[in-house]
C-alpha atoms as a PDB file:
ATOM      1  CA  MET A   1     -19.573  30.364  14.600  1.00  0.00           C
ATOM      2  CA  ALA A   2     -17.171  33.049  15.801  1.00  0.00           C
ATOM      3  CA  ALA A   3     -14.297  30.555  15.654  1.00  0.00           C
ATOM      4  CA  VAL A   4     -15.110  29.619  12.050  1.00  0.00           C
ATOM      5  CA  GLN A   5     -15.677  33.191  10.906  1.00  0.00           C
ATOM      6  CA  ILE A   6     -12.380  34.334  12.400  1.00  0.00           C
ATOM      7  CA  PHE A   7     -10.466  31.449  10.820  1.00  0.00           C
ATOM      8  CA  ASN A   8     -12.037  32.178   7.411  1.00  0.00           C
ATOM      9  CA  SER A   9     -11.280  35.893   7.577  1.00  0.00           C
ATOM     10  CA  PRO A  10      -8.502  36.996   5.175  1.00  0.00           C
ATOM     11  CA  LEU A  11      -7.755  39.971   7.434  1.00  0.00           C
ATOM     12  CA  ILE A  12      -6.590  37.927  10.434  1.00  0.00           C
ATOM     13  CA  THR A  13      -3.190  36.267  10.648  1.00  0.00           C
ATOM     14  CA  PHE A  14      -3.475  34.894  14.190  1.00  0.00           C
ATOM     15  CA  LYS A  15      -6.144  32.420  13.092  1.00  0.00           C
ATOM     16  CA  SER A  16      -5.220  29.055  14.547  1.00  0.00           C
ATOM     17  CA  GLU A  17      -4.592  30.356  18.047  1.00  0.00           C
ATOM     18  CA  ILE A  18      -7.921  32.196  18.187  1.00  0.00           C
ATOM     19  CA  PHE A  19      -9.827  29.285  16.625  1.00  0.00           C
ATOM     20  CA  ILE A  20      -8.422  26.748  19.100  1.00  0.00           C
ATOM     21  CA  VAL A  21      -9.336  28.875  22.125  1.00  0.00           C
ATOM     22  CA  LEU A  22     -12.879  29.530  20.900  1.00  0.00           C
ATOM     23  CA  ILE A  23     -13.632  25.969  19.759  1.00  0.00           C
ATOM     24  CA  ILE A  24     -12.431  24.588  23.119  1.00  0.00           C
ATOM     25  CA  ILE A  25     -14.712  27.046  24.932  1.00  0.00           C
ATOM     26  CA  ALA A  26     -17.626  26.040  22.674  1.00  0.00           C
ATOM     27  CA  TRP A  27     -17.085  22.316  23.319  1.00  0.00           C
ATOM     28  CA  THR A  28     -16.709  22.938  27.065  1.00  0.00           C
ATOM     29  CA  TYR A  29     -20.022  24.785  27.209  1.00  0.00           C
ATOM     30  CA  LEU A  30     -21.683  22.087  25.104  1.00  0.00           C
ATOM     31  CA  LEU A  31     -20.628  19.330  27.507  1.00  0.00           C
ATOM     32  CA  HIS A  32     -21.545  21.416  30.537  1.00  0.00           C
ATOM     33  CA  ALA A  33     -25.023  21.833  29.063  1.00  0.00           C
ATOM     34  CA  TYR A  34     -25.244  18.080  28.480  1.00  0.00           C
ATOM     35  CA  PHE A  35     -24.161  17.252  32.041  1.00  0.00           C
ATOM     36  CA  ARG A  36     -26.656  19.726  33.456  1.00  0.00           C
ATOM     37  CA  LYS A  37     -29.403  18.199  31.317  1.00  0.00           C
ATOM     38  CA  GLN A  38     -28.483  14.742  32.632  1.00  0.00           C
ATOM     39  CA  GLY A  39     -28.269  15.901  36.250  1.00  0.00           C
ATOM     40  CA  ILE A  40     -24.520  15.168  36.437  1.00  0.00           C
ATOM     41  CA  GLU A  41     -22.432  17.299  38.803  1.00  0.00           C
ATOM     42  CA  TYR A  42     -19.678  19.002  36.804  1.00  0.00           C
ATOM     43  CA  ARG A  43     -18.251  21.240  39.503  1.00  0.00           C
ATOM     44  CA  TYR A  44     -15.108  20.360  41.427  1.00  0.00           C
ATOM     45  CA  TYR A  45     -15.740  19.410  45.044  1.00  0.00           C
ATOM     46  CA  LYS A  46     -14.498  17.328  47.957  1.00  0.00           C
ATOM     47  CA  ILE A  47     -16.449  15.337  50.505  1.00  0.00           C
ATOM     48  CA  HIS A  48     -16.269  16.804  54.012  1.00  0.00           C
ATOM     49  CA  SER A  49     -17.939  14.407  56.434  1.00  0.00           C
ATOM     50  CA  THR A  50     -21.090  13.636  54.449  1.00  0.00           C
ATOM     51  CA  ARG A  51     -21.366  16.990  52.709  1.00  0.00           C
ATOM     52  CA  ARG A  52     -19.913  18.307  49.475  1.00  0.00           C
ATOM     53  CA  THR A  53     -17.608  21.278  49.706  1.00  0.00           C
ATOM     54  CA  PHE A  54     -17.277  22.934  46.303  1.00  0.00           C
ATOM     55  CA  TYR A  55     -14.018  24.482  45.139  1.00  0.00           C
ATOM     56  CA  LYS A  56     -14.249  28.153  44.220  1.00  0.00           C
ATOM     57  CA  THR A  57     -12.044  30.787  42.657  1.00  0.00           C
ATOM     58  CA  ARG A  58     -10.583  33.536  44.809  1.00  0.00           C
ATOM     59  CA  TYR A  59     -13.544  35.689  43.765  1.00  0.00           C
ATOM     60  CA  GLY A  60     -16.193  33.170  44.792  1.00  0.00           C
ATOM     61  CA  ALA A  61     -17.130  31.503  41.470  1.00  0.00           C
ATOM     62  CA  TYR A  62     -17.538  27.731  41.264  1.00  0.00           C
ATOM     63  CA  LYS A  63     -14.716  25.813  39.569  1.00  0.00           C
ATOM     64  CA  TYR A  64     -16.262  23.862  36.710  1.00  0.00           C
ATOM     65  CA  TRP A  65     -14.671  20.978  34.838  1.00  0.00           C
ATOM     66  CA  GLU A  66     -12.350  21.938  32.004  1.00  0.00           C
ATOM     67  CA  LEU A  67     -12.774  20.194  28.632  1.00  0.00           C
ATOM     68  CA  GLY A  68     -10.185  17.484  29.327  1.00  0.00           C
ATOM     69  CA  ARG A  69     -11.957  16.525  32.556  1.00  0.00           C
ATOM     70  CA  CYS A  70     -15.305  16.438  30.750  1.00  0.00           C
ATOM     71  CA  LEU A  71     -13.917  14.080  28.105  1.00  0.00           C
ATOM     72  CA  SER A  72     -12.388  11.697  30.653  1.00  0.00           C
ATOM     73  CA  ASP A  73     -15.590  11.345  32.676  1.00  0.00           C
ATOM     74  CA  SER A  74     -17.391   8.013  32.368  1.00  0.00           C
ATOM     75  CA  ASP A  75     -20.615   9.867  31.540  1.00  0.00           C
ATOM     76  CA  SER A  76     -19.099  11.750  28.592  1.00  0.00           C
ATOM     77  CA  PRO A  77     -21.166  11.205  25.423  1.00  0.00           C
ATOM     78  CA  VAL A  78     -18.180  11.881  23.121  1.00  0.00           C
ATOM     79  CA  ASP A  79     -16.816   8.985  21.052  1.00  0.00           C
ATOM     80  CA  LYS A  80     -13.114   8.045  21.136  1.00  0.00           C
ATOM     81  CA  ASN A  81     -12.065   9.566  17.805  1.00  0.00           C
ATOM     82  CA  THR A  82     -13.834  12.863  18.493  1.00  0.00           C
ATOM     83  CA  ALA A  83     -12.201  12.924  21.930  1.00  0.00           C
ATOM     84  CA  ASN A  84      -8.810  12.337  20.251  1.00  0.00           C
ATOM     85  CA  ASN A  85      -9.437  15.366  18.058  1.00  0.00           C
ATOM     86  CA  LEU A  86     -10.279  17.557  21.051  1.00  0.00           C
ATOM     87  CA  ARG A  87      -7.364  16.315  23.156  1.00  0.00           C
ATOM     88  CA  PHE A  88      -5.102  17.113  20.201  1.00  0.00           C
ATOM     89  CA  LEU A  89      -6.406  20.702  20.134  1.00  0.00           C
ATOM     90  CA  ILE A  90      -6.065  20.977  23.918  1.00  0.00           C
ATOM     91  CA  GLY A  91      -2.435  19.876  23.597  1.00  0.00           C
ATOM     92  CA  ILE A  92      -1.751  22.476  20.907  1.00  0.00           C
ATOM     93  CA  ARG A  93      -3.485  25.102  23.057  1.00  0.00           C
ATOM     94  CA  ASN A  94      -1.198  24.225  25.960  1.00  0.00           C
ATOM     95  CA  GLU A  95       1.845  24.707  23.715  1.00  0.00           C
ATOM     96  CA  ILE A  96       0.810  28.076  22.289  1.00  0.00           C
ATOM     97  CA  GLU A  97      -1.127  29.852  25.019  1.00  0.00           C
ATOM     98  CA  HIS A  98       1.909  31.680  26.414  1.00  0.00           C
ATOM     99  CA  GLN A  99       3.740  32.479  23.193  1.00  0.00           C
ATOM    100  CA  MET A 100       3.002  33.598  19.657  1.00  0.00           C
ATOM    101  CA  THR A 101       3.447  30.993  16.925  1.00  0.00           C
ATOM    102  CA  TYR A 102       3.619  31.118  13.146  1.00  0.00           C
ATOM    103  CA  GLN A 103       3.103  28.807  10.172  1.00  0.00           C
ATOM    104  CA  ILE A 104       0.689  26.352  11.778  1.00  0.00           C
ATOM    105  CA  ASP A 105      -2.608  27.098   9.987  1.00  0.00           C
ATOM    106  CA  PRO A 106      -2.160  24.771   6.942  1.00  0.00           C
ATOM    107  CA  SER A 107      -0.953  21.838   9.027  1.00  0.00           C
ATOM    108  CA  LEU A 108      -3.865  21.908  11.471  1.00  0.00           C
ATOM    109  CA  SER A 109      -6.814  22.774   9.224  1.00  0.00           C
ATOM    110  CA  ALA A 110      -7.962  19.140   8.904  1.00  0.00           C
ATOM    111  CA  LYS A 111      -8.213  18.908  12.707  1.00  0.00           C
ATOM    112  CA  PHE A 112     -10.117  22.208  12.826  1.00  0.00           C
ATOM    113  CA  GLN A 113     -12.587  21.033  10.180  1.00  0.00           C
ATOM    114  CA  ALA A 114     -13.205  17.812  12.095  1.00  0.00           C
ATOM    115  CA  ALA A 115     -13.794  19.744  15.337  1.00  0.00           C
ATOM    116  CA  CYS A 116     -16.455  21.865  13.606  1.00  0.00           C
ATOM    117  CA  LEU A 117     -18.242  18.936  11.963  1.00  0.00           C
ATOM    118  CA  ASN A 118     -18.134  16.969  15.209  1.00  0.00           C
ATOM    119  CA  PHE A 119     -19.527  19.919  17.168  1.00  0.00           C
ATOM    120  CA  ASN A 120     -22.457  20.343  14.792  1.00  0.00           C
ATOM    121  CA  GLU A 121     -23.150  16.600  14.893  1.00  0.00           C
ATOM    122  CA  TYR A 122     -23.141  16.430  18.687  1.00  0.00           C
ATOM    123  CA  ILE A 123     -25.175  19.566  19.322  1.00  0.00           C
ATOM    124  CA  LYS A 124     -27.914  18.146  17.079  1.00  0.00           C
ATOM    125  CA  THR A 125     -27.661  14.652  18.562  1.00  0.00           C
ATOM    126  CA  LEU A 126     -27.707  15.797  22.184  1.00  0.00           C
ATOM    127  CA  PHE A 127     -30.118  18.726  21.964  1.00  0.00           C
ATOM    128  CA  GLY A 128     -32.051  18.406  18.724  1.00  0.00           C
ATOM    129  CA  LYS A 129     -31.612  19.251  15.039  1.00  0.00           C
ATOM    130  CA  ARG A 130     -33.070  22.724  15.510  1.00  0.00           C
ATOM    131  CA  TYR A 131     -29.849  23.740  17.273  1.00  0.00           C
ATOM    132  CA  GLY A 132     -27.618  22.761  14.352  1.00  0.00           C
ATOM    133  CA  ILE A 133     -25.364  25.556  13.121  1.00  0.00           C
ATOM    134  CA  ASP A 134     -24.734  24.157   9.637  1.00  0.00           C
ATOM    135  CA  LYS A 135     -27.617  26.233   8.252  1.00  0.00           C
ATOM    136  CA  HIS A 136     -25.840  29.424   9.336  1.00  0.00           C
ATOM    137  CA  LEU A 137     -22.460  28.694   7.726  1.00  0.00           C
ATOM    138  CA  ALA A 138     -21.354  28.107   4.146  1.00  0.00           C
ATOM    139  CA  PHE A 139     -18.107  27.345   2.362  1.00  0.00           C
ATOM    140  CA  SER A 140     -15.752  30.303   2.151  1.00  0.00           C
ATOM    141  CA  LEU A 141     -14.962  31.551  -1.339  1.00  0.00           C
ATOM    142  CA  GLN A 142     -11.591  32.538  -2.762  1.00  0.00           C
ATOM    143  CA  PHE A 143     -10.462  34.686  -5.657  1.00  0.00           C
ATOM    144  CA  THR A 144      -8.133  32.203  -7.373  1.00  0.00           C
ATOM    145  CA  SER A 145      -7.860  28.504  -8.016  1.00  0.00           C
ATOM    146  CA  ILE A 146      -5.091  26.586  -6.265  1.00  0.00           C
ATOM    147  CA  SER A 147      -2.147  25.840  -8.522  1.00  0.00           C
ATOM    148  CA  GLN A 148       0.641  23.371  -7.795  1.00  0.00           C
ATOM    149  CA  ASP A 149       3.047  26.269  -7.330  1.00  0.00           C
ATOM    150  CA  GLN A 150       0.732  27.853  -4.771  1.00  0.00           C
ATOM    151  CA  PHE A 151       0.317  24.556  -2.950  1.00  0.00           C
ATOM    152  CA  SER A 152       4.083  24.046  -2.884  1.00  0.00           C
ATOM    153  CA  ALA A 153       4.502  27.504  -1.406  1.00  0.00           C
ATOM    154  CA  LEU A 154       2.329  26.685   1.609  1.00  0.00           C
ATOM    155  CA  PRO A 155       4.268  26.309   4.861  1.00  0.00           C
ATOM    156  CA  THR A 156       5.233  22.747   5.761  1.00  0.00           C
ATOM    157  CA  PRO A 157       5.425  21.178   9.220  1.00  0.00           C
ATOM    158  CA  THR A 158       9.199  21.575   9.123  1.00  0.00           C
ATOM    159  CA  GLU A 159       8.663  25.344   9.211  1.00  0.00           C
ATOM    160  CA  MET A 160       6.617  25.174  12.397  1.00  0.00           C
ATOM    161  CA  PRO A 161       8.124  25.750  15.852  1.00  0.00           C
ATOM    162  CA  SER A 162       9.960  22.611  16.977  1.00  0.00           C
ATOM    163  CA  HIS A 163       7.849  22.176  20.109  1.00  0.00           C
ATOM    164  CA  ILE A 164       4.652  22.142  18.012  1.00  0.00           C
ATOM    165  CA  ARG A 165       6.151  19.616  15.577  1.00  0.00           C
ATOM    166  CA  SER A 166       7.241  17.411  18.462  1.00  0.00           C
ATOM    167  CA  PHE A 167       3.809  17.493  20.059  1.00  0.00           C
ATOM    168  CA  ILE A 168       2.039  16.649  16.779  1.00  0.00           C
ATOM    169  CA  GLU A 169       4.348  13.759  15.958  1.00  0.00           C
ATOM    170  CA  GLY A 170       4.181  12.426  19.493  1.00  0.00           C
ATOM    171  CA  PHE A 171       0.388  12.642  19.705  1.00  0.00           C
ATOM    172  CA  GLU A 172      -0.310  11.163  16.272  1.00  0.00           C
ATOM    173  CA  GLY A 173       2.364   8.533  16.739  1.00  0.00           C
ATOM    174  CA  GLU A 174       0.389   7.079  19.661  1.00  0.00           C
ATOM    175  CA  LEU A 175      -2.752   6.635  17.545  1.00  0.00           C
ATOM    176  CA  SER A 176      -3.618   3.441  15.708  1.00  0.00           C
ATOM    177  CA  GLU A 177      -4.021   3.619  11.922  1.00  0.00           C
ATOM    178  CA  GLU A 178      -7.807   3.411  12.345  1.00  0.00           C
ATOM    179  CA  GLU A 179      -7.837   6.261  14.863  1.00  0.00           C
ATOM    180  CA  TYR A 180      -5.482   8.390  12.773  1.00  0.00           C
ATOM    181  CA  ASN A 181      -7.563   7.951   9.612  1.00  0.00           C
ATOM    182  CA  SER A 182     -10.900   8.622  11.307  1.00  0.00           C
ATOM    183  CA  PRO A 183     -12.696  11.696   9.881  1.00  0.00           C
ATOM    184  CA  HIS A 184     -13.700  12.512  13.457  1.00  0.00           C
ATOM    185  CA  PHE A 185     -10.021  13.061  14.287  1.00  0.00           C
ATOM    186  CA  ALA A 186      -9.045  14.940  11.114  1.00  0.00           C
ATOM    187  CA  TYR A 187     -11.312  15.712   8.175  1.00  0.00           C
ATOM    188  CA  ARG A 188      -9.255  15.494   4.994  1.00  0.00           C
ATOM    189  CA  VAL A 189     -10.721  16.219   1.572  1.00  0.00           C
ATOM    190  CA  LEU A 190      -9.336  15.441  -1.875  1.00  0.00           C
ATOM    191  CA  PHE A 191     -10.317  18.143  -4.398  1.00  0.00           C
ATOM    192  CA  ILE A 192     -10.547  17.628  -8.156  1.00  0.00           C
ATOM    193  CA  ALA A 193     -11.922  19.917 -10.844  1.00  0.00           C
ATOM    194  CA  LYS A 194     -15.463  19.015 -11.967  1.00  0.00           C
ATOM    195  CA  THR A 195     -17.985  20.539 -14.320  1.00  0.00           C
ATOM    196  CA  ALA A 196     -21.726  19.923 -14.593  1.00  0.00           C
ATOM    197  CA  ASN A 197     -22.590  16.878 -16.680  1.00  0.00           C
ATOM    198  CA  THR A 198     -25.855  18.325 -17.993  1.00  0.00           C
ATOM    199  CA  LYS A 199     -26.454  21.691 -19.644  1.00  0.00           C
ATOM    200  CA  GLY A 200     -28.314  24.028 -17.344  1.00  0.00           C
ATOM    201  CA  GLN A 201     -27.399  21.964 -14.307  1.00  0.00           C
ATOM    202  CA  ALA A 202     -26.116  23.943 -11.354  1.00  0.00           C
ATOM    203  CA  ASP A 203     -22.438  23.249 -10.792  1.00  0.00           C
ATOM    204  CA  LYS A 204     -21.357  22.945  -7.168  1.00  0.00           C
ATOM    205  CA  VAL A 205     -17.861  23.978  -6.161  1.00  0.00           C
ATOM    206  CA  ILE A 206     -17.691  20.980  -3.819  1.00  0.00           C
ATOM    207  CA  GLU A 207     -19.693  17.802  -4.148  1.00  0.00           C
ATOM    208  CA  PHE A 208     -19.727  15.162  -1.422  1.00  0.00           C
ATOM    209  CA  VAL A 209     -20.087  11.465  -2.164  1.00  0.00           C
ATOM    210  CA  LYS A 210     -20.671   8.629   0.283  1.00  0.00           C
ATOM    211  CA  ALA A 211     -17.501   6.872   1.425  1.00  0.00           C
ATOM    212  CA  ASP A 212     -18.851   3.458   0.370  1.00  0.00           C
ATOM    213  CA  SER A 213     -20.088   4.584  -3.052  1.00  0.00           C
ATOM    214  CA  PRO A 214     -18.461   3.220  -6.266  1.00  0.00           C
ATOM    215  CA  LEU A 215     -17.129   6.701  -7.093  1.00  0.00           C
ATOM    216  CA  ALA A 216     -15.454   7.132  -3.707  1.00  0.00           C
ATOM    217  CA  THR A 217     -14.079   3.603  -3.841  1.00  0.00           C
ATOM    218  CA  ASN A 218     -12.510   4.210  -7.264  1.00  0.00           C
ATOM    219  CA  ILE A 219     -11.052   7.544  -6.177  1.00  0.00           C
ATOM    220  CA  ASN A 220      -9.518   5.975  -3.075  1.00  0.00           C
ATOM    221  CA  LYS A 221      -8.083   3.104  -5.124  1.00  0.00           C
ATOM    222  CA  THR A 222      -6.596   5.489  -7.683  1.00  0.00           C
ATOM    223  CA  TYR A 223      -5.169   7.758  -5.013  1.00  0.00           C
ATOM    224  CA  ALA A 224      -3.692   4.779  -3.159  1.00  0.00           C
ATOM    225  CA  VAL A 225      -2.109   3.491  -6.358  1.00  0.00           C
ATOM    226  CA  ILE A 226      -0.559   6.878  -7.043  1.00  0.00           C
ATOM    227  CA  LYS A 227       0.949   6.933  -3.567  1.00  0.00           C
ATOM    228  CA  GLU A 228       2.160   3.343  -3.735  1.00  0.00           C
ATOM    229  CA  THR A 229       3.895   3.803  -7.088  1.00  0.00           C
ATOM    230  CA  GLU A 230       6.138   6.397  -5.497  1.00  0.00           C
ATOM    231  CA  LYS A 231       7.623   4.683  -2.421  1.00  0.00           C
ATOM    232  CA  PRO A 232       6.374   2.804   0.636  1.00  0.00           C
ATOM    233  CA  LYS A 233       5.587   5.285   3.400  1.00  0.00           C
ATOM    234  CA  TYR A 234       5.445   4.913   7.163  1.00  0.00           C
ATOM    235  CA  LEU A 235       3.894   6.953   9.948  1.00  0.00           C
ATOM    236  CA  PRO A 236       6.215   7.624  12.920  1.00  0.00           C
ATOM    237  CA  SER A 237       4.394   5.013  15.007  1.00  0.00           C
ATOM    238  CA  ALA A 238       5.061   2.421  12.294  1.00  0.00           C
ATOM    239  CA  VAL A 239       8.795   3.206  12.315  1.00  0.00           C
ATOM    240  CA  VAL A 240       8.902   2.701  16.086  1.00  0.00           C
ATOM    241  CA  GLU A 241       6.937  -0.559  15.791  1.00  0.00           C
ATOM    242  CA  ILE A 242       9.354  -1.855  13.148  1.00  0.00           C
ATOM    243  CA  MET A 243      12.325  -1.166  15.424  1.00  0.00           C
ATOM    244  CA  GLN A 244      10.656  -2.843  18.375  1.00  0.00           C
ATOM    245  CA  SER A 245       9.752  -5.868  16.243  1.00  0.00           C
ATOM    246  CA  LYS A 246      13.468  -6.164  15.433  1.00  0.00           C
ATOM    247  CA  GLY A 247      14.225  -6.433  19.148  1.00  0.00           C
ATOM    248  CA  PHE A 248      15.018  -2.791  19.979  1.00  0.00           C
ATOM    249  CA  SER A 249      12.357  -2.569  22.698  1.00  0.00           C
ATOM    250  CA  LYS A 250      13.980   0.464  24.327  1.00  0.00           C
ATOM    251  CA  PHE A 251      13.435   2.570  21.217  1.00  0.00           C
ATOM    252  CA  LYS A 252      10.348   4.720  21.876  1.00  0.00           C
ATOM    253  CA  MET A 253       8.518   7.544  20.113  1.00  0.00           C
ATOM    254  CA  LEU A 254      10.469  10.197  22.011  1.00  0.00           C
ATOM    255  CA  ASP A 255      13.729   8.606  20.815  1.00  0.00           C
ATOM    256  CA  HIS A 256      12.481   8.779  17.239  1.00  0.00           C
ATOM    257  CA  ILE A 257      11.528  12.435  17.572  1.00  0.00           C
ATOM    258  CA  LYS A 258      14.927  13.351  19.026  1.00  0.00           C
ATOM    259  CA  LEU A 259      16.722  11.379  16.294  1.00  0.00           C
ATOM    260  CA  TRP A 260      15.044  13.006  13.300  1.00  0.00           C
ATOM    261  CA  GLN A 261      15.389  16.452  14.875  1.00  0.00           C
ATOM    262  CA  GLN A 262      19.123  15.948  15.559  1.00  0.00           C
ATOM    263  CA  ARG A 263      19.697  14.812  11.975  1.00  0.00           C
ATOM    264  CA  ASP A 264      17.301  17.340  10.423  1.00  0.00           C
ATOM    265  CA  ALA A 265      15.777  14.336   8.667  1.00  0.00           C
ATOM    266  CA  LYS A 266      12.778  16.251   7.322  1.00  0.00           C
ATOM    267  CA  GLU A 267      15.011  18.409   5.156  1.00  0.00           C
ATOM    268  CA  PRO A 268      13.597  17.650   1.648  1.00  0.00           C
ATOM    269  CA  SER A 269      17.019  17.353   0.034  1.00  0.00           C
ATOM    270  CA  LYS A 270      17.824  14.320   2.215  1.00  0.00           C
ATOM    271  CA  HIS A 271      14.889  12.345   0.778  1.00  0.00           C
ATOM    272  CA  PHE A 272      14.105  10.533   4.024  1.00  0.00           C
ATOM    273  CA  GLY A 273      10.369  11.154   3.702  1.00  0.00           C
ATOM    274  CA  THR A 274       7.633  13.269   2.219  1.00  0.00           C
ATOM    275  CA  LEU A 275       4.631  15.375   3.108  1.00  0.00           C
ATOM    276  CA  VAL A 276       1.212  13.995   2.112  1.00  0.00           C
ATOM    277  CA  GLN A 277      -1.923  15.987   2.971  1.00  0.00           C
ATOM    278  CA  ASN A 278      -0.070  17.882   5.718  1.00  0.00           C
ATOM    279  CA  THR A 279       1.200  14.654   7.309  1.00  0.00           C
ATOM    280  CA  TRP A 280       4.838  13.553   7.243  1.00  0.00           C
ATOM    281  CA  TYR A 281       5.589   9.988   6.103  1.00  0.00           C
ATOM    282  CA  TRP A 282       8.974   8.246   6.266  1.00  0.00           C
ATOM    283  CA  TYR A 283      10.586   6.252   3.455  1.00  0.00           C
ATOM    284  CA  ASP A 284      12.461   2.948   3.722  1.00  0.00           C
ATOM    285  CA  LYS A 285      15.671   4.973   3.522  1.00  0.00           C
ATOM    286  CA  TRP A 286      14.876   6.541   6.893  1.00  0.00           C
ATOM    287  CA  VAL A 287      13.800   3.219   8.408  1.00  0.00           C
ATOM    288  CA  ASN A 288      17.236   1.845   7.495  1.00  0.00           C
ATOM    289  CA  GLU A 289      18.920   4.858   9.089  1.00  0.00           C
ATOM    290  CA  VAL A 290      16.929   4.359  12.280  1.00  0.00           C
ATOM    291  CA  GLU A 291      17.892   0.678  12.372  1.00  0.00           C
ATOM    292  CA  LYS A 292      21.578   1.596  12.029  1.00  0.00           C
ATOM    293  CA  TYR A 293      21.170   4.018  14.909  1.00  0.00           C
ATOM    294  CA  CYS A 294      19.494   1.354  17.064  1.00  0.00           C
ATOM    295  CA  GLN A 295      22.300  -1.118  16.316  1.00  0.00           C
ATOM    296  CA  GLN A 296      24.895   1.435  17.388  1.00  0.00           C
ATOM    297  CA  GLU A 297      22.914   2.562  20.433  1.00  0.00           C
ATOM    298  CA  TYR A 298      21.632  -0.776  21.699  1.00  0.00           C
ATOM    299  CA  GLY A 299      23.996  -3.208  20.033  1.00  0.00           C
ATOM    300  CA  ASN A 300      23.353  -5.955  17.470  1.00  0.00           C
ATOM    301  CA  LEU A 301      20.716  -8.435  18.595  1.00  0.00           C
END
């Protein structure tokens, strides 16, 4: 709750960094509680003869598993996509814990939202619905509607520190399409204006519909058509797969990251790709450029 309240506060500018630290602590404590409930040892130790010798800090406290170790344990109750979300946040935490960063809030909010929804789901599943925190939190309100000009003014991933961009592209590039699109990894919402259909009916700011409902299906189809009428788009992992399918097996994700950074390929005026819902997609124009690079670097096959 503290993580969410801090992130929603208009008075705080260091939001993402604080949120990530607090949500990781919350998830760590949640899994520790689960392991204790199940009678699973979650302290670090070594076997000396037939006895356990527990590792301790210099001041005598037990060394408990960190979140990454909890997620990798065979007894972890966390599903793969939720674990991907948390490992993503751990990776960002590792990149920012020793230095101040800027312009990362808009690009990571979908991951933050997923981490919150996942946490509430798991705390109720593992310990009972009475522990759910959804009844304590509501949607934050704002003073203005979001115009296209305002949306365009939001920072883009190209304005983030290069090491954060590289981590995000590298991490997401290793995910399959199914894993990347999972709401447990990143919770993305499409907003449209709506008014009440019946006089006197309360009008909700946000209304959720089931993913398999006719309304959701039509929205997804329409949104997909809008995207497809522009240009074909590719995630970084797809670009790498295309190159490898053409015989350039040595071309890896790290090579792709270095290439677009060297050529400043995300500069909008170059028209190599576009930003959709805080995720960068590459056009065919960039795929062709990458192929030319591979031919020069690895030779014609």
